[in-house]
Amino acid sequence: MAKKAVAVPNLEKTLETLETLVEKMESGDLSLEESLQAFEQGVRLTREAQQALQAAEQKVRILLKDEAEPEAFQPDDAD
């Protein structure tokens, strides 16, 4: 059964964009309409960042779940 690929946003880029957006909003130079648009974009970016973190957490859980105790190396005596 093939797994469906899920697009995971780039967390670093999302956080960088969100930080820039917050700086613009904090400057106080935006009109009411621009502020509302920025707020809406900020909410979307926050959700994207949460999705990226959840996807990373899920991957870590899967990796830890599948982690088995390593076996000792047994060299072949084929000499």
PDB file of N, CA and C in Angstrom:
ATOM      1  N   MET A   1       0.835  -1.170   0.000  1.00  0.00           N
ATOM      2  CA  MET A   1       0.000   0.000   0.000  1.00  0.00           C
ATOM      3  C   MET A   1       0.889   1.246   0.000  1.00  0.00           C
ATOM      4  N   ALA A   2       0.719   2.108  -0.951  1.00  0.00           N
ATOM      5  CA  ALA A   2       1.531   3.317  -1.080  1.00  0.00           C
ATOM      6  C   ALA A   2       1.049   4.384  -0.101  1.00  0.00           C
ATOM      7  N   LYS A   3       2.003   5.070   0.510  1.00  0.00           N
ATOM      8  CA  LYS A   3       1.651   6.157   1.428  1.00  0.00           C
ATOM      9  C   LYS A   3       1.442   7.432   0.637  1.00  0.00           C
ATOM     10  N   LYS A   4       0.459   8.210   1.050  1.00  0.00           N
ATOM     11  CA  LYS A   4       0.168   9.472   0.384  1.00  0.00           C
ATOM     12  C   LYS A   4       1.164  10.533   0.863  1.00  0.00           C
ATOM     13  N   ALA A   5       1.770  11.217  -0.088  1.00  0.00           N
ATOM     14  CA  ALA A   5       2.726  12.266   0.258  1.00  0.00           C
ATOM     15  C   ALA A   5       1.975  13.497   0.759  1.00  0.00           C
ATOM     16  N   VAL A   6       2.459  14.041   1.857  1.00  0.00           N
ATOM     17  CA  VAL A   6       1.859  15.235   2.440  1.00  0.00           C
ATOM     18  C   VAL A   6       2.867  16.364   2.341  1.00  0.00           C
ATOM     19  N   ALA A   7       2.443  17.482   1.796  1.00  0.00           N
ATOM     20  CA  ALA A   7       3.329  18.633   1.673  1.00  0.00           C
ATOM     21  C   ALA A   7       3.536  19.264   3.046  1.00  0.00           C
ATOM     22  N   VAL A   8       4.770  19.327   3.474  1.00  0.00           N
ATOM     23  CA  VAL A   8       5.100  19.918   4.766  1.00  0.00           C
ATOM     24  C   VAL A   8       5.778  21.254   4.502  1.00  0.00           C
ATOM     25  N   PRO A   9       5.220  22.327   5.052  1.00  0.00           N
ATOM     26  CA  PRO A   9       5.842  23.628   4.823  1.00  0.00           C
ATOM     27  C   PRO A   9       7.233  23.694   5.457  1.00  0.00           C
ATOM     28  N   ASN A  10       8.082  24.499   4.875  1.00  0.00           N
ATOM     29  CA  ASN A  10       9.416  24.709   5.409  1.00  0.00           C
ATOM     30  C   ASN A  10       9.291  25.562   6.675  1.00  0.00           C
ATOM     31  N   LEU A  11       9.574  24.976   7.814  1.00  0.00           N
ATOM     32  CA  LEU A  11       9.371  25.649   9.090  1.00  0.00           C
ATOM     33  C   LEU A  11      10.211  26.918   9.206  1.00  0.00           C
ATOM     34  N   GLU A  12      11.477  26.822   8.838  1.00  0.00           N
ATOM     35  CA  GLU A  12      12.350  27.990   8.972  1.00  0.00           C
ATOM     36  C   GLU A  12      11.859  29.163   8.126  1.00  0.00           C
ATOM     37  N   LYS A  13      11.455  28.868   6.888  1.00  0.00           N
ATOM     38  CA  LYS A  13      10.973  29.935   6.002  1.00  0.00           C
ATOM     39  C   LYS A  13       9.659  30.520   6.535  1.00  0.00           C
ATOM     40  N   THR A  14       8.798  29.661   7.025  1.00  0.00           N
ATOM     41  CA  THR A  14       7.516  30.118   7.578  1.00  0.00           C
ATOM     42  C   THR A  14       7.744  31.026   8.774  1.00  0.00           C
ATOM     43  N   LEU A  15       8.637  30.635   9.674  1.00  0.00           N
ATOM     44  CA  LEU A  15       8.915  31.455  10.860  1.00  0.00           C
ATOM     45  C   LEU A  15       9.565  32.776  10.492  1.00  0.00           C
ATOM     46  N   GLU A  16      10.432  32.745   9.487  1.00  0.00           N
ATOM     47  CA  GLU A  16      11.078  33.983   9.030  1.00  0.00           C
ATOM     48  C   GLU A  16      10.040  34.948   8.456  1.00  0.00           C
ATOM     49  N   THR A  17       9.135  34.432   7.655  1.00  0.00           N
ATOM     50  CA  THR A  17       8.077  35.253   7.067  1.00  0.00           C
ATOM     51  C   THR A  17       7.168  35.797   8.158  1.00  0.00           C
ATOM     52  N   LEU A  18       6.854  34.970   9.124  1.00  0.00           N
ATOM     53  CA  LEU A  18       6.001  35.400  10.230  1.00  0.00           C
ATOM     54  C   LEU A  18       6.678  36.502  11.044  1.00  0.00           C
ATOM     55  N   GLU A  19       7.962  36.352  11.286  1.00  0.00           N
ATOM     56  CA  GLU A  19       8.699  37.373  12.035  1.00  0.00           C
ATOM     57  C   GLU A  19       8.694  38.713  11.297  1.00  0.00           C
ATOM     58  N   THR A  20       8.914  38.687   9.990  1.00  0.00           N
ATOM     59  CA  THR A  20       8.883  39.904   9.181  1.00  0.00           C
ATOM     60  C   THR A  20       7.505  40.552   9.239  1.00  0.00           C
ATOM     61  N   LEU A  21       6.482  39.726   9.161  1.00  0.00           N
ATOM     62  CA  LEU A  21       5.108  40.212   9.208  1.00  0.00           C
ATOM     63  C   LEU A  21       4.809  40.886  10.550  1.00  0.00           C
ATOM     64  N   VAL A  22       5.258  40.278  11.632  1.00  0.00           N
ATOM     65  CA  VAL A  22       5.042  40.852  12.965  1.00  0.00           C
ATOM     66  C   VAL A  22       5.750  42.194  13.093  1.00  0.00           C
ATOM     67  N   GLU A  23       6.963  42.289  12.556  1.00  0.00           N
ATOM     68  CA  GLU A  23       7.694  43.557  12.607  1.00  0.00           C
ATOM     69  C   GLU A  23       6.932  44.663  11.879  1.00  0.00           C
ATOM     70  N   LYS A  24       6.353  44.326  10.715  1.00  0.00           N
ATOM     71  CA  LYS A  24       5.563  45.315   9.975  1.00  0.00           C
ATOM     72  C   LYS A  24       4.362  45.766  10.788  1.00  0.00           C
ATOM     73  N   MET A  25       3.702  44.802  11.408  1.00  0.00           N
ATOM     74  CA  MET A  25       2.500  45.138  12.184  1.00  0.00           C
ATOM     75  C   MET A  25       2.851  45.985  13.404  1.00  0.00           C
ATOM     76  N   GLU A  26       3.982  45.664  14.034  1.00  0.00           N
ATOM     77  CA  GLU A  26       4.389  46.415  15.222  1.00  0.00           C
ATOM     78  C   GLU A  26       4.855  47.827  14.903  1.00  0.00           C
ATOM     79  N   SER A  27       5.225  48.061  13.657  1.00  0.00           N
ATOM     80  CA  SER A  27       5.710  49.391  13.275  1.00  0.00           C
ATOM     81  C   SER A  27       4.602  50.440  13.362  1.00  0.00           C
ATOM     82  N   GLY A  28       3.354  49.994  13.223  1.00  0.00           N
ATOM     83  CA  GLY A  28       2.234  50.925  13.301  1.00  0.00           C
ATOM     84  C   GLY A  28       1.989  51.700  12.021  1.00  0.00           C
ATOM     85  N   ASP A  29       2.691  51.361  10.963  1.00  0.00           N
ATOM     86  CA  ASP A  29       2.566  52.095   9.703  1.00  0.00           C
ATOM     87  C   ASP A  29       1.521  51.506   8.759  1.00  0.00           C
ATOM     88  N   LEU A  30       0.888  50.419   9.147  1.00  0.00           N
ATOM     89  CA  LEU A  30      -0.092  49.777   8.272  1.00  0.00           C
ATOM     90  C   LEU A  30      -1.477  50.373   8.480  1.00  0.00           C
ATOM     91  N   SER A  31      -2.229  50.453   7.396  1.00  0.00           N
ATOM     92  CA  SER A  31      -3.621  50.891   7.504  1.00  0.00           C
ATOM     93  C   SER A  31      -4.431  49.761   8.160  1.00  0.00           C
ATOM     94  N   LEU A  32      -5.673  50.056   8.475  1.00  0.00           N
ATOM     95  CA  LEU A  32      -6.533  49.047   9.087  1.00  0.00           C
ATOM     96  C   LEU A  32      -6.679  47.843   8.158  1.00  0.00           C
ATOM     97  N   GLU A  33      -6.915  48.104   6.882  1.00  0.00           N
ATOM     98  CA  GLU A  33      -7.073  47.013   5.912  1.00  0.00           C
ATOM     99  C   GLU A  33      -5.794  46.195   5.800  1.00  0.00           C
ATOM    100  N   GLU A  34      -4.649  46.864   5.749  1.00  0.00           N
ATOM    101  CA  GLU A  34      -3.370  46.160   5.669  1.00  0.00           C
ATOM    102  C   GLU A  34      -3.111  45.348   6.944  1.00  0.00           C
ATOM    103  N   SER A  35      -3.494  45.903   8.075  1.00  0.00           N
ATOM    104  CA  SER A  35      -3.328  45.201   9.343  1.00  0.00           C
ATOM    105  C   SER A  35      -4.176  43.935   9.388  1.00  0.00           C
ATOM    106  N   LEU A  36      -5.406  44.041   8.907  1.00  0.00           N
ATOM    107  CA  LEU A  36      -6.285  42.868   8.873  1.00  0.00           C
ATOM    108  C   LEU A  36      -5.731  41.792   7.948  1.00  0.00           C
ATOM    109  N   GLN A  37      -5.220  42.212   6.795  1.00  0.00           N
ATOM    110  CA  GLN A  37      -4.618  41.248   5.862  1.00  0.00           C
ATOM    111  C   GLN A  37      -3.379  40.604   6.473  1.00  0.00           C
ATOM    112  N   ALA A  38      -2.572  41.404   7.150  1.00  0.00           N
ATOM    113  CA  ALA A  38      -1.370  40.885   7.794  1.00  0.00           C
ATOM    114  C   ALA A  38      -1.737  39.906   8.903  1.00  0.00           C
ATOM    115  N   PHE A  39      -2.771  40.237   9.669  1.00  0.00           N
ATOM    116  CA  PHE A  39      -3.221  39.348  10.731  1.00  0.00           C
ATOM    117  C   PHE A  39      -3.703  38.016  10.153  1.00  0.00           C
ATOM    118  N   GLU A  40      -4.469  38.087   9.086  1.00  0.00           N
ATOM    119  CA  GLU A  40      -4.970  36.880   8.434  1.00  0.00           C
ATOM    120  C   GLU A  40      -3.802  36.017   7.933  1.00  0.00           C
ATOM    121  N   GLN A  41      -2.823  36.648   7.323  1.00  0.00           N
ATOM    122  CA  GLN A  41      -1.649  35.929   6.840  1.00  0.00           C
ATOM    123  C   GLN A  41      -0.878  35.323   8.021  1.00  0.00           C
ATOM    124  N   GLY A  42      -0.792  36.068   9.112  1.00  0.00           N
ATOM    125  CA  GLY A  42      -0.100  35.575  10.306  1.00  0.00           C
ATOM    126  C   GLY A  42      -0.764  34.329  10.882  1.00  0.00           C
ATOM    127  N   VAL A  43      -2.078  34.317  10.900  1.00  0.00           N
ATOM    128  CA  VAL A  43      -2.809  33.146  11.383  1.00  0.00           C
ATOM    129  C   VAL A  43      -2.513  31.948  10.484  1.00  0.00           C
ATOM    130  N   ARG A  44      -2.524  32.162   9.171  1.00  0.00           N
ATOM    131  CA  ARG A  44      -2.231  31.082   8.223  1.00  0.00           C
ATOM    132  C   ARG A  44      -0.812  30.563   8.409  1.00  0.00           C
ATOM    133  N   LEU A  45       0.145  31.469   8.566  1.00  0.00           N
ATOM    134  CA  LEU A  45       1.532  31.063   8.765  1.00  0.00           C
ATOM    135  C   LEU A  45       1.718  30.299  10.073  1.00  0.00           C
ATOM    136  N   THR A  46       1.020  30.718  11.108  1.00  0.00           N
ATOM    137  CA  THR A  46       1.096  30.021  12.391  1.00  0.00           C
ATOM    138  C   THR A  46       0.577  28.594  12.253  1.00  0.00           C
ATOM    139  N   ARG A  47      -0.498  28.436  11.532  1.00  0.00           N
ATOM    140  CA  ARG A  47      -1.046  27.089  11.301  1.00  0.00           C
ATOM    141  C   ARG A  47      -0.070  26.232  10.499  1.00  0.00           C
ATOM    142  N   GLU A  48       0.564  26.821   9.505  1.00  0.00           N
ATOM    143  CA  GLU A  48       1.553  26.091   8.709  1.00  0.00           C
ATOM    144  C   GLU A  48       2.719  25.637   9.584  1.00  0.00           C
ATOM    145  N   ALA A  49       3.180  26.518  10.467  1.00  0.00           N
ATOM    146  CA  ALA A  49       4.283  26.165  11.365  1.00  0.00           C
ATOM    147  C   ALA A  49       3.865  25.033  12.309  1.00  0.00           C
ATOM    148  N   GLN A  50       2.655  25.083  12.815  1.00  0.00           N
ATOM    149  CA  GLN A  50       2.157  24.019  13.686  1.00  0.00           C
ATOM    150  C   GLN A  50       2.100  22.686  12.943  1.00  0.00           C
ATOM    151  N   GLN A  51       1.674  22.719  11.685  1.00  0.00           N
ATOM    152  CA  GLN A  51       1.616  21.494  10.880  1.00  0.00           C
ATOM    153  C   GLN A  51       3.012  20.920  10.662  1.00  0.00           C
ATOM    154  N   ALA A  52       3.973  21.789  10.404  1.00  0.00           N
ATOM    155  CA  ALA A  52       5.346  21.336  10.188  1.00  0.00           C
ATOM    156  C   ALA A  52       5.897  20.703  11.467  1.00  0.00           C
ATOM    157  N   LEU A  53       5.620  21.300  12.599  1.00  0.00           N
ATOM    158  CA  LEU A  53       6.084  20.749  13.877  1.00  0.00           C
ATOM    159  C   LEU A  53       5.412  19.413  14.177  1.00  0.00           C
ATOM    160  N   GLN A  54       4.133  19.310  13.893  1.00  0.00           N
ATOM    161  CA  GLN A  54       3.427  18.051  14.113  1.00  0.00           C
ATOM    162  C   GLN A  54       3.968  16.947  13.215  1.00  0.00           C
ATOM    163  N   ALA A  55       4.278  17.281  11.967  1.00  0.00           N
ATOM    164  CA  ALA A  55       4.835  16.296  11.038  1.00  0.00           C
ATOM    165  C   ALA A  55       6.209  15.827  11.521  1.00  0.00           C
ATOM    166  N   ALA A  56       7.020  16.751  12.002  1.00  0.00           N
ATOM    167  CA  ALA A  56       8.343  16.391  12.512  1.00  0.00           C
ATOM    168  C   ALA A  56       8.206  15.509  13.755  1.00  0.00           C
ATOM    169  N   GLU A  57       7.290  15.851  14.622  1.00  0.00           N
ATOM    170  CA  GLU A  57       7.067  15.055  15.830  1.00  0.00           C
ATOM    171  C   GLU A  57       6.623  13.638  15.466  1.00  0.00           C
ATOM    172  N   GLN A  58       5.754  13.530  14.481  1.00  0.00           N
ATOM    173  CA  GLN A  58       5.280  12.221  14.051  1.00  0.00           C
ATOM    174  C   GLN A  58       6.435  11.383  13.492  1.00  0.00           C
ATOM    175  N   LYS A  59       7.311  12.003  12.713  1.00  0.00           N
ATOM    176  CA  LYS A  59       8.459  11.288  12.169  1.00  0.00           C
ATOM    177  C   LYS A  59       9.361  10.778  13.286  1.00  0.00           C
ATOM    178  N   VAL A  60       9.595  11.615  14.282  1.00  0.00           N
ATOM    179  CA  VAL A  60      10.441  11.217  15.410  1.00  0.00           C
ATOM    180  C   VAL A  60       9.812  10.033  16.144  1.00  0.00           C
ATOM    181  N   ARG A  61       8.519  10.098  16.371  1.00  0.00           N
ATOM    182  CA  ARG A  61       7.838   8.991  17.056  1.00  0.00           C
ATOM    183  C   ARG A  61       7.946   7.697  16.261  1.00  0.00           C
ATOM    184  N   ILE A  62       7.782   7.795  14.955  1.00  0.00           N
ATOM    185  CA  ILE A  62       7.893   6.600  14.105  1.00  0.00           C
ATOM    186  C   ILE A  62       9.302   6.033  14.172  1.00  0.00           C
ATOM    187  N   LEU A  63      10.300   6.900  14.102  1.00  0.00           N
ATOM    188  CA  LEU A  63      11.686   6.442  14.166  1.00  0.00           C
ATOM    189  C   LEU A  63      12.004   5.789  15.502  1.00  0.00           C
ATOM    190  N   LEU A  64      11.520   6.368  16.579  1.00  0.00           N
ATOM    191  CA  LEU A  64      11.788   5.805  17.900  1.00  0.00           C
ATOM    192  C   LEU A  64      11.029   4.506  18.109  1.00  0.00           C
ATOM    193  N   LYS A  65       9.860   4.398  17.545  1.00  0.00           N
ATOM    194  CA  LYS A  65       9.056   3.185  17.671  1.00  0.00           C
ATOM    195  C   LYS A  65       9.724   2.024  16.958  1.00  0.00           C
ATOM    196  N   ASP A  66      10.276   2.275  15.790  1.00  0.00           N
ATOM    197  CA  ASP A  66      10.902   1.235  14.987  1.00  0.00           C
ATOM    198  C   ASP A  66      12.332   0.932  15.421  1.00  0.00           C
ATOM    199  N   GLU A  67      12.844   1.700  16.356  1.00  0.00           N
ATOM    200  CA  GLU A  67      14.226   1.521  16.789  1.00  0.00           C
ATOM    201  C   GLU A  67      14.351   0.210  17.561  1.00  0.00           C
ATOM    202  N   ALA A  68      15.187  -0.665  17.060  1.00  0.00           N
ATOM    203  CA  ALA A  68      15.421  -1.947  17.716  1.00  0.00           C
ATOM    204  C   ALA A  68      16.802  -1.929  18.347  1.00  0.00           C
ATOM    205  N   GLU A  69      17.010  -2.822  19.266  1.00  0.00           N
ATOM    206  CA  GLU A  69      18.315  -2.944  19.905  1.00  0.00           C
ATOM    207  C   GLU A  69      19.325  -3.418  18.859  1.00  0.00           C
ATOM    208  N   PRO A  70      20.441  -2.710  18.694  1.00  0.00           N
ATOM    209  CA  PRO A  70      21.420  -3.130  17.685  1.00  0.00           C
ATOM    210  C   PRO A  70      22.048  -4.474  18.064  1.00  0.00           C
ATOM    211  N   GLU A  71      22.349  -5.260  17.041  1.00  0.00           N
ATOM    212  CA  GLU A  71      22.981  -6.540  17.262  1.00  0.00           C
ATOM    213  C   GLU A  71      24.492  -6.362  17.246  1.00  0.00           C
ATOM    214  N   ALA A  72      25.164  -7.194  18.010  1.00  0.00           N
ATOM    215  CA  ALA A  72      26.630  -7.154  18.038  1.00  0.00           C
ATOM    216  C   ALA A  72      27.178  -7.604  16.698  1.00  0.00           C
ATOM    217  N   PHE A  73      28.254  -6.995  16.270  1.00  0.00           N
ATOM    218  CA  PHE A  73      28.877  -7.344  14.991  1.00  0.00           C
ATOM    219  C   PHE A  73      29.537  -8.714  15.106  1.00  0.00           C
ATOM    220  N   GLN A  74      29.241  -9.572  14.172  1.00  0.00           N
ATOM    221  CA  GLN A  74      29.812 -10.909  14.099  1.00  0.00           C
ATOM    222  C   GLN A  74      30.605 -11.010  12.807  1.00  0.00           C
ATOM    223  N   PRO A  75      31.934 -10.897  12.860  1.00  0.00           N
ATOM    224  CA  PRO A  75      32.717 -10.952  11.617  1.00  0.00           C
ATOM    225  C   PRO A  75      32.665 -12.351  11.002  1.00  0.00           C
ATOM    226  N   ASP A  76      32.698 -12.373   9.680  1.00  0.00           N
ATOM    227  CA  ASP A  76      32.738 -13.659   8.966  1.00  0.00           C
ATOM    228  C   ASP A  76      34.148 -14.220   9.027  1.00  0.00           C
ATOM    229  N   ASP A  77      34.282 -15.490   9.313  1.00  0.00           N
ATOM    230  CA  ASP A  77      35.600 -16.149   9.312  1.00  0.00           C
ATOM    231  C   ASP A  77      35.805 -16.855   7.987  1.00  0.00           C
ATOM    232  N   ALA A  78      35.829 -16.109   6.891  1.00  0.00           N
ATOM    233  CA  ALA A  78      35.915 -16.681   5.557  1.00  0.00           C
ATOM    234  C   ALA A  78      37.345 -16.809   5.081  1.00  0.00           C
ATOM    235  N   ASP A  79      38.327 -16.597   5.921  1.00  0.00           N
ATOM    236  CA  ASP A  79      39.748 -16.650   5.508  1.00  0.00           C
ATOM    237  C   ASP A  79      40.106 -17.998   5.065  1.00  0.00           C
TER     238      ASP A  79
END
